[in-house]
PDB file of all heavy atoms in Angstrom:
ATOM      1  N   LEU A   1       2.479   1.016  -8.680  1.00  0.00           N
ATOM      2  CA  LEU A   1       1.825   0.053  -7.779  1.00  0.00           C
ATOM      3  C   LEU A   1       2.169  -1.382  -8.160  1.00  0.00           C
ATOM      4  O   LEU A   1       1.919  -2.286  -7.326  1.00  0.00           O
ATOM      5  CB  LEU A   1       0.361   0.304  -7.738  1.00  0.00           C
ATOM      6  CG  LEU A   1      -0.150   1.682  -7.315  1.00  0.00           C
ATOM      7  CD1 LEU A   1      -1.656   1.742  -7.504  1.00  0.00           C
ATOM      8  CD2 LEU A   1       0.324   2.022  -5.891  1.00  0.00           C
ATOM      9  N   VAL A   2       2.766  -1.649  -9.304  1.00  0.00           N
ATOM     10  CA  VAL A   2       2.981  -2.989  -9.802  1.00  0.00           C
ATOM     11  C   VAL A   2       3.914  -3.748  -8.974  1.00  0.00           C
ATOM     12  O   VAL A   2       3.619  -4.834  -8.454  1.00  0.00           O
ATOM     13  CB  VAL A   2       3.443  -2.955 -11.317  1.00  0.00           C
ATOM     14  CG1 VAL A   2       3.810  -4.297 -11.772  1.00  0.00           C
ATOM     15  CG2 VAL A   2       2.345  -2.304 -12.184  1.00  0.00           C
ATOM     16  N   VAL A   3       5.123  -3.252  -8.736  1.00  0.00           N
ATOM     17  CA  VAL A   3       6.140  -3.946  -8.005  1.00  0.00           C
ATOM     18  C   VAL A   3       5.725  -4.264  -6.525  1.00  0.00           C
ATOM     19  O   VAL A   3       5.761  -5.337  -6.040  1.00  0.00           O
ATOM     20  CB  VAL A   3       7.475  -3.297  -8.087  1.00  0.00           C
ATOM     21  CG1 VAL A   3       8.488  -3.848  -7.072  1.00  0.00           C
ATOM     22  CG2 VAL A   3       8.025  -3.345  -9.497  1.00  0.00           C
ATOM     23  N   PRO A   4       5.245  -3.212  -5.799  1.00  0.00           N
ATOM     24  CA  PRO A   4       4.831  -3.476  -4.467  1.00  0.00           C
ATOM     25  C   PRO A   4       3.639  -4.527  -4.333  1.00  0.00           C
ATOM     26  O   PRO A   4       3.668  -5.356  -3.444  1.00  0.00           O
ATOM     27  CB  PRO A   4       4.433  -2.125  -3.907  1.00  0.00           C
ATOM     28  CG  PRO A   4       4.294  -1.209  -4.986  1.00  0.00           C
ATOM     29  CD  PRO A   4       5.148  -1.807  -6.085  1.00  0.00           C
ATOM     30  N   LYS A   5       2.731  -4.469  -5.306  1.00  0.00           N
ATOM     31  CA  LYS A   5       1.678  -5.410  -5.318  1.00  0.00           C
ATOM     32  C   LYS A   5       2.209  -6.828  -5.497  1.00  0.00           C
ATOM     33  O   LYS A   5       1.808  -7.801  -4.789  1.00  0.00           O
ATOM     34  CB  LYS A   5       0.689  -5.092  -6.366  1.00  0.00           C
ATOM     35  CG  LYS A   5      -0.569  -5.913  -6.339  1.00  0.00           C
ATOM     36  CD  LYS A   5      -1.653  -5.475  -7.346  1.00  0.00           C
ATOM     37  CE  LYS A   5      -2.950  -5.781  -6.795  1.00  0.00           C
ATOM     38  NZ  LYS A   5      -3.862  -4.727  -6.667  1.00  0.00           N
ATOM     39  N   GLU A   6       3.137  -6.955  -6.468  1.00  0.00           N
ATOM     40  CA  GLU A   6       3.765  -8.303  -6.667  1.00  0.00           C
ATOM     41  C   GLU A   6       4.532  -8.773  -5.355  1.00  0.00           C
ATOM     42  O   GLU A   6       4.593  -9.964  -5.149  1.00  0.00           O
ATOM     43  CB  GLU A   6       4.765  -8.182  -7.758  1.00  0.00           C
ATOM     44  CG  GLU A   6       4.211  -8.037  -9.189  1.00  0.00           C
ATOM     45  CD  GLU A   6       5.212  -7.767 -10.251  1.00  0.00           C
ATOM     46  OE1 GLU A   6       6.378  -7.548  -9.934  1.00  0.00           O
ATOM     47  OE2 GLU A   6       4.859  -7.764 -11.459  1.00  0.00           O
ATOM     48  N   MET A   7       5.031  -7.822  -4.571  1.00  0.00           N
ATOM     49  CA  MET A   7       5.754  -8.194  -3.359  1.00  0.00           C
ATOM     50  C   MET A   7       4.769  -8.508  -2.247  1.00  0.00           C
ATOM     51  O   MET A   7       5.300  -9.008  -1.146  1.00  0.00           O
ATOM     52  CB  MET A   7       6.637  -7.026  -2.947  1.00  0.00           C
ATOM     53  CG  MET A   7       7.782  -6.757  -3.881  1.00  0.00           C
ATOM     54  SD  MET A   7       8.777  -5.286  -3.438  1.00  0.00           S
ATOM     55  CE  MET A   7       9.552  -5.904  -1.962  1.00  0.00           C
ATOM     56  N   GLY A   8       3.501  -8.222  -2.314  1.00  0.00           N
ATOM     57  CA  GLY A   8       2.605  -8.571  -1.283  1.00  0.00           C
ATOM     58  C   GLY A   8       1.946  -7.437  -0.514  1.00  0.00           C
ATOM     59  O   GLY A   8       1.152  -7.573   0.360  1.00  0.00           O
ATOM     60  N   PHE A   9       2.352  -6.161  -0.947  1.00  0.00           N
ATOM     61  CA  PHE A   9       1.699  -4.969  -0.304  1.00  0.00           C
ATOM     62  C   PHE A   9       0.309  -4.919  -0.709  1.00  0.00           C
ATOM     63  O   PHE A   9      -0.067  -5.292  -1.851  1.00  0.00           O
ATOM     64  CB  PHE A   9       2.394  -3.660  -0.854  1.00  0.00           C
ATOM     65  CG  PHE A   9       3.732  -3.332  -0.313  1.00  0.00           C
ATOM     66  CD1 PHE A   9       4.878  -4.051  -0.760  1.00  0.00           C
ATOM     67  CD2 PHE A   9       3.984  -2.329   0.545  1.00  0.00           C
ATOM     68  CE1 PHE A   9       6.151  -3.672  -0.350  1.00  0.00           C
ATOM     69  CE2 PHE A   9       5.231  -1.978   1.017  1.00  0.00           C
ATOM     70  CZ  PHE A   9       6.313  -2.694   0.538  1.00  0.00           C
ATOM     71  N   GLN A  10      -0.602  -4.306   0.100  1.00  0.00           N
ATOM     72  CA  GLN A  10      -1.873  -3.762  -0.267  1.00  0.00           C
ATOM     73  C   GLN A  10      -1.478  -2.499  -0.988  1.00  0.00           C
ATOM     74  O   GLN A  10      -0.609  -1.822  -0.555  1.00  0.00           O
ATOM     75  CB  GLN A  10      -2.716  -3.443   0.910  1.00  0.00           C
ATOM     76  CG  GLN A  10      -3.315  -4.694   1.572  1.00  0.00           C
ATOM     77  CD  GLN A  10      -4.341  -5.437   0.750  1.00  0.00           C
ATOM     78  OE1 GLN A  10      -5.087  -4.774  -0.008  1.00  0.00           O
ATOM     79  NE2 GLN A  10      -4.236  -6.697   0.703  1.00  0.00           N
ATOM     80  N   THR A  11      -2.126  -2.143  -2.048  1.00  0.00           N
ATOM     81  CA  THR A  11      -1.821  -0.900  -2.798  1.00  0.00           C
ATOM     82  C   THR A  11      -3.034  -0.054  -3.012  1.00  0.00           C
ATOM     83  O   THR A  11      -4.166  -0.587  -3.001  1.00  0.00           O
ATOM     84  CB  THR A  11      -1.163  -1.241  -4.224  1.00  0.00           C
ATOM     85  OG1 THR A  11      -2.067  -2.001  -4.971  1.00  0.00           O
ATOM     86  CG2 THR A  11       0.218  -2.031  -4.060  1.00  0.00           C
ATOM     87  N   TYR A  12      -2.835   1.254  -3.184  1.00  0.00           N
ATOM     88  CA  TYR A  12      -3.933   2.145  -3.285  1.00  0.00           C
ATOM     89  C   TYR A  12      -3.456   3.275  -4.284  1.00  0.00           C
ATOM     90  O   TYR A  12      -2.445   3.911  -4.037  1.00  0.00           O
ATOM     91  CB  TYR A  12      -4.368   2.777  -2.006  1.00  0.00           C
ATOM     92  CG  TYR A  12      -5.537   3.710  -2.116  1.00  0.00           C
ATOM     93  CD1 TYR A  12      -6.826   3.227  -2.106  1.00  0.00           C
ATOM     94  CD2 TYR A  12      -5.276   5.038  -2.276  1.00  0.00           C
ATOM     95  CE1 TYR A  12      -7.919   4.148  -2.174  1.00  0.00           C
ATOM     96  CE2 TYR A  12      -6.364   5.954  -2.354  1.00  0.00           C
ATOM     97  CZ  TYR A  12      -7.682   5.477  -2.342  1.00  0.00           C
ATOM     98  OH  TYR A  12      -8.738   6.322  -2.459  1.00  0.00           O
ATOM     99  N   PHE A  13      -4.251   3.507  -5.331  1.00  0.00           N
ATOM    100  CA  PHE A  13      -3.931   4.659  -6.234  1.00  0.00           C
ATOM    101  C   PHE A  13      -4.612   5.858  -5.680  1.00  0.00           C
ATOM    102  O   PHE A  13      -5.845   5.859  -5.602  1.00  0.00           O
ATOM    103  CB  PHE A  13      -4.414   4.326  -7.640  1.00  0.00           C
ATOM    104  CG  PHE A  13      -4.337   5.529  -8.549  1.00  0.00           C
ATOM    105  CD1 PHE A  13      -3.155   6.120  -8.872  1.00  0.00           C
ATOM    106  CD2 PHE A  13      -5.580   6.120  -8.996  1.00  0.00           C
ATOM    107  CE1 PHE A  13      -3.098   7.211  -9.751  1.00  0.00           C
ATOM    108  CE2 PHE A  13      -5.490   7.197  -9.871  1.00  0.00           C
ATOM    109  CZ  PHE A  13      -4.253   7.771 -10.215  1.00  0.00           C
ATOM    110  N   HIS A  14      -3.883   6.898  -5.381  1.00  0.00           N
ATOM    111  CA  HIS A  14      -4.404   8.156  -4.904  1.00  0.00           C
ATOM    112  C   HIS A  14      -4.278   9.160  -6.084  1.00  0.00           C
ATOM    113  O   HIS A  14      -3.142   9.620  -6.356  1.00  0.00           O
ATOM    114  CB  HIS A  14      -3.681   8.633  -3.664  1.00  0.00           C
ATOM    115  CG  HIS A  14      -4.200   9.971  -3.171  1.00  0.00           C
ATOM    116  ND1 HIS A  14      -5.400  10.086  -2.507  1.00  0.00           N
ATOM    117  CD2 HIS A  14      -3.682  11.242  -3.207  1.00  0.00           C
ATOM    118  CE1 HIS A  14      -5.656  11.311  -2.201  1.00  0.00           C
ATOM    119  NE2 HIS A  14      -4.589  12.066  -2.564  1.00  0.00           N
ATOM    120  N   ASP A  15      -5.388   9.570  -6.632  1.00  0.00           N
ATOM    121  CA  ASP A  15      -5.388  10.556  -7.694  1.00  0.00           C
ATOM    122  C   ASP A  15      -5.026  11.876  -7.134  1.00  0.00           C
ATOM    123  O   ASP A  15      -5.834  12.478  -6.436  1.00  0.00           O
ATOM    124  CB  ASP A  15      -6.779  10.559  -8.438  1.00  0.00           C
ATOM    125  CG  ASP A  15      -6.843  11.468  -9.661  1.00  0.00           C
ATOM    126  OD1 ASP A  15      -6.092  12.459  -9.664  1.00  0.00           O
ATOM    127  OD2 ASP A  15      -7.553  11.112 -10.552  1.00  0.00           O
ATOM    128  N   GLN A  16      -3.860  12.347  -7.443  1.00  0.00           N
ATOM    129  CA  GLN A  16      -3.361  13.668  -6.921  1.00  0.00           C
ATOM    130  C   GLN A  16      -4.271  14.872  -7.277  1.00  0.00           C
ATOM    131  O   GLN A  16      -4.402  15.820  -6.478  1.00  0.00           O
ATOM    132  CB  GLN A  16      -1.930  13.841  -7.293  1.00  0.00           C
ATOM    133  CG  GLN A  16      -1.216  14.992  -6.561  1.00  0.00           C
ATOM    134  CD  GLN A  16       0.260  14.921  -6.835  1.00  0.00           C
ATOM    135  OE1 GLN A  16       0.876  13.904  -7.235  1.00  0.00           O
ATOM    136  NE2 GLN A  16       0.930  16.051  -6.705  1.00  0.00           N
ATOM    137  N   GLU A  17      -4.803  14.796  -8.449  1.00  0.00           N
ATOM    138  CA  GLU A  17      -5.596  15.944  -8.934  1.00  0.00           C
ATOM    139  C   GLU A  17      -6.924  15.990  -8.188  1.00  0.00           C
ATOM    140  O   GLU A  17      -7.343  17.081  -7.747  1.00  0.00           O
ATOM    141  CB  GLU A  17      -5.928  15.798 -10.456  1.00  0.00           C
ATOM    142  CG  GLU A  17      -4.652  15.813 -11.260  1.00  0.00           C
ATOM    143  CD  GLU A  17      -3.843  17.154 -11.094  1.00  0.00           C
ATOM    144  OE1 GLU A  17      -4.453  18.244 -11.040  1.00  0.00           O
ATOM    145  OE2 GLU A  17      -2.620  16.994 -10.931  1.00  0.00           O
ATOM    146  N   LYS A  18      -7.524  14.869  -7.951  1.00  0.00           N
ATOM    147  CA  LYS A  18      -8.824  14.795  -7.169  1.00  0.00           C
ATOM    148  C   LYS A  18      -8.533  14.989  -5.665  1.00  0.00           C
ATOM    149  O   LYS A  18      -9.315  15.601  -4.960  1.00  0.00           O
ATOM    150  CB  LYS A  18      -9.521  13.542  -7.371  1.00  0.00           C
ATOM    151  CG  LYS A  18     -10.109  13.354  -8.778  1.00  0.00           C
ATOM    152  CD  LYS A  18     -10.840  12.017  -8.859  1.00  0.00           C
ATOM    153  CE  LYS A  18     -11.345  11.788 -10.255  1.00  0.00           C
ATOM    154  NZ  LYS A  18     -11.904  10.495 -10.406  1.00  0.00           N
ATOM    155  N   ASN A  19      -7.384  14.456  -5.169  1.00  0.00           N
ATOM    156  CA  ASN A  19      -6.978  14.547  -3.806  1.00  0.00           C
ATOM    157  C   ASN A  19      -8.152  14.162  -2.854  1.00  0.00           C
ATOM    158  O   ASN A  19      -8.399  14.878  -1.873  1.00  0.00           O
ATOM    159  CB  ASN A  19      -6.438  15.964  -3.417  1.00  0.00           C
ATOM    160  CG  ASN A  19      -5.653  15.934  -2.157  1.00  0.00           C
ATOM    161  OD1 ASN A  19      -4.990  14.965  -1.828  1.00  0.00           O
ATOM    162  ND2 ASN A  19      -5.756  16.959  -1.420  1.00  0.00           N
ATOM    163  N   ASP A  20      -8.754  13.093  -3.166  1.00  0.00           N
ATOM    164  CA  ASP A  20      -9.874  12.556  -2.354  1.00  0.00           C
ATOM    165  C   ASP A  20      -9.378  11.877  -1.034  1.00  0.00           C
ATOM    166  O   ASP A  20      -9.315  10.653  -1.065  1.00  0.00           O
ATOM    167  CB  ASP A  20     -10.786  11.643  -3.173  1.00  0.00           C
ATOM    168  CG  ASP A  20     -12.090  11.344  -2.489  1.00  0.00           C
ATOM    169  OD1 ASP A  20     -12.228  11.617  -1.308  1.00  0.00           O
ATOM    170  OD2 ASP A  20     -12.983  10.775  -3.199  1.00  0.00           O
ATOM    171  N   VAL A  21      -8.988  12.647  -0.091  1.00  0.00           N
ATOM    172  CA  VAL A  21      -8.411  12.150   1.125  1.00  0.00           C
ATOM    173  C   VAL A  21      -9.451  11.289   1.873  1.00  0.00           C
ATOM    174  O   VAL A  21      -9.137  10.310   2.530  1.00  0.00           O
ATOM    175  CB  VAL A  21      -7.782  13.245   1.954  1.00  0.00           C
ATOM    176  CG1 VAL A  21      -7.252  12.723   3.306  1.00  0.00           C
ATOM    177  CG2 VAL A  21      -6.709  13.931   1.178  1.00  0.00           C
ATOM    178  N   ALA A  22     -10.667  11.678   1.760  1.00  0.00           N
ATOM    179  CA  ALA A  22     -11.810  10.964   2.430  1.00  0.00           C
ATOM    180  C   ALA A  22     -11.859   9.530   1.924  1.00  0.00           C
ATOM    181  O   ALA A  22     -12.075   8.574   2.648  1.00  0.00           O
ATOM    182  CB  ALA A  22     -13.129  11.698   2.292  1.00  0.00           C
ATOM    183  N   ALA A  23     -11.719   9.322   0.626  1.00  0.00           N
ATOM    184  CA  ALA A  23     -11.689   7.968   0.020  1.00  0.00           C
ATOM    185  C   ALA A  23     -10.493   7.223   0.493  1.00  0.00           C
ATOM    186  O   ALA A  23     -10.587   5.985   0.799  1.00  0.00           O
ATOM    187  CB  ALA A  23     -11.729   8.103  -1.535  1.00  0.00           C
ATOM    188  N   LEU A  24      -9.362   7.809   0.592  1.00  0.00           N
ATOM    189  CA  LEU A  24      -8.164   7.126   1.131  1.00  0.00           C
ATOM    190  C   LEU A  24      -8.458   6.767   2.555  1.00  0.00           C
ATOM    191  O   LEU A  24      -8.057   5.667   3.009  1.00  0.00           O
ATOM    192  CB  LEU A  24      -6.943   8.042   0.986  1.00  0.00           C
ATOM    193  CG  LEU A  24      -5.664   7.517   1.612  1.00  0.00           C
ATOM    194  CD1 LEU A  24      -5.297   6.155   1.113  1.00  0.00           C
ATOM    195  CD2 LEU A  24      -4.508   8.493   1.360  1.00  0.00           C
ATOM    196  N   GLN A  25      -8.949   7.656   3.363  1.00  0.00           N
ATOM    197  CA  GLN A  25      -9.208   7.359   4.759  1.00  0.00           C
ATOM    198  C   GLN A  25     -10.242   6.170   4.856  1.00  0.00           C
ATOM    199  O   GLN A  25     -10.015   5.286   5.677  1.00  0.00           O
ATOM    200  CB  GLN A  25      -9.822   8.590   5.433  1.00  0.00           C
ATOM    201  CG  GLN A  25     -10.029   8.371   6.870  1.00  0.00           C
ATOM    202  CD  GLN A  25     -10.375   9.686   7.619  1.00  0.00           C
ATOM    203  OE1 GLN A  25     -10.561  10.722   6.948  1.00  0.00           O
ATOM    204  NE2 GLN A  25     -10.527   9.631   8.846  1.00  0.00           N
ATOM    205  N   SER A  26     -11.215   6.122   3.962  1.00  0.00           N
ATOM    206  CA  SER A  26     -12.170   4.998   3.898  1.00  0.00           C
ATOM    207  C   SER A  26     -11.436   3.723   3.640  1.00  0.00           C
ATOM    208  O   SER A  26     -11.690   2.677   4.265  1.00  0.00           O
ATOM    209  CB  SER A  26     -13.274   5.258   2.946  1.00  0.00           C
ATOM    210  OG  SER A  26     -14.092   4.195   2.757  1.00  0.00           O
ATOM    211  N   PHE A  27     -10.546   3.716   2.587  1.00  0.00           N
ATOM    212  CA  PHE A  27      -9.717   2.572   2.277  1.00  0.00           C
ATOM    213  C   PHE A  27      -8.937   2.060   3.530  1.00  0.00           C
ATOM    214  O   PHE A  27      -8.879   0.828   3.796  1.00  0.00           O
ATOM    215  CB  PHE A  27      -8.799   2.887   1.117  1.00  0.00           C
ATOM    216  CG  PHE A  27      -7.777   1.831   0.849  1.00  0.00           C
ATOM    217  CD1 PHE A  27      -8.075   0.665   0.141  1.00  0.00           C
ATOM    218  CD2 PHE A  27      -6.470   1.960   1.336  1.00  0.00           C
ATOM    219  CE1 PHE A  27      -7.135  -0.298  -0.045  1.00  0.00           C
ATOM    220  CE2 PHE A  27      -5.520   1.027   1.090  1.00  0.00           C
ATOM    221  CZ  PHE A  27      -5.864  -0.130   0.386  1.00  0.00           C
ATOM    222  N   LEU A  28      -8.288   3.045   4.216  1.00  0.00           N
ATOM    223  CA  LEU A  28      -7.422   2.687   5.362  1.00  0.00           C
ATOM    224  C   LEU A  28      -8.323   2.016   6.499  1.00  0.00           C
ATOM    225  O   LEU A  28      -7.965   1.174   7.119  1.00  0.00           O
ATOM    226  CB  LEU A  28      -6.731   3.913   5.891  1.00  0.00           C
ATOM    227  CG  LEU A  28      -5.567   4.381   4.916  1.00  0.00           C
ATOM    228  CD1 LEU A  28      -5.017   5.703   5.477  1.00  0.00           C
ATOM    229  CD2 LEU A  28      -4.513   3.317   4.703  1.00  0.00           C
ATOM    230  N   GLN A  29      -9.535   2.611   6.599  1.00  0.00           N
ATOM    231  CA  GLN A  29     -10.425   2.026   7.641  1.00  0.00           C
ATOM    232  C   GLN A  29     -10.810   0.595   7.199  1.00  0.00           C
ATOM    233  O   GLN A  29     -10.850  -0.270   8.074  1.00  0.00           O
ATOM    234  CB  GLN A  29     -11.718   2.899   7.736  1.00  0.00           C
ATOM    235  CG  GLN A  29     -11.479   4.226   8.487  1.00  0.00           C
ATOM    236  CD  GLN A  29     -12.628   5.243   8.372  1.00  0.00           C
ATOM    237  OE1 GLN A  29     -13.374   5.159   7.429  1.00  0.00           O
ATOM    238  NE2 GLN A  29     -12.695   6.133   9.330  1.00  0.00           N
ATOM    239  N   LYS A  30     -11.048   0.360   5.974  1.00  0.00           N
ATOM    240  CA  LYS A  30     -11.407  -0.978   5.544  1.00  0.00           C
ATOM    241  C   LYS A  30     -10.277  -2.001   5.761  1.00  0.00           C
ATOM    242  O   LYS A  30     -10.468  -3.195   5.953  1.00  0.00           O
ATOM    243  CB  LYS A  30     -11.828  -0.981   4.088  1.00  0.00           C
ATOM    244  CG  LYS A  30     -13.175  -0.393   3.864  1.00  0.00           C
ATOM    245  CD  LYS A  30     -13.523  -0.322   2.382  1.00  0.00           C
ATOM    246  CE  LYS A  30     -14.831   0.464   2.203  1.00  0.00           C
ATOM    247  NZ  LYS A  30     -15.122   0.808   0.868  1.00  0.00           N
ATOM    248  N   GLN A  31      -9.006  -1.498   5.739  1.00  0.00           N
ATOM    249  CA  GLN A  31      -7.916  -2.219   6.002  1.00  0.00           C
ATOM    250  C   GLN A  31      -7.599  -2.492   7.479  1.00  0.00           C
ATOM    251  O   GLN A  31      -6.625  -3.157   7.910  1.00  0.00           O
ATOM    252  CB  GLN A  31      -6.648  -1.587   5.278  1.00  0.00           C
ATOM    253  CG  GLN A  31      -6.741  -1.494   3.849  1.00  0.00           C
ATOM    254  CD  GLN A  31      -7.024  -2.749   3.084  1.00  0.00           C
ATOM    255  OE1 GLN A  31      -6.416  -3.755   3.354  1.00  0.00           O
ATOM    256  NE2 GLN A  31      -8.000  -2.664   2.163  1.00  0.00           N
ATOM    257  N   GLY A  32      -8.402  -1.811   8.275  1.00  0.00           N
ATOM    258  CA  GLY A  32      -8.199  -1.878   9.757  1.00  0.00           C
ATOM    259  C   GLY A  32      -7.202  -0.999  10.373  1.00  0.00           C
ATOM    260  O   GLY A  32      -6.801  -1.149  11.473  1.00  0.00           O
TER     261      GLY A  32
END
């Protein structure tokens, strides 16, 4: 996530083991 964040991307760490897709969906909703 370091390089894209430096470039101006919004970034999100998705823990593959937890696979909390609902949390990712919530993040995307907050981003519009």
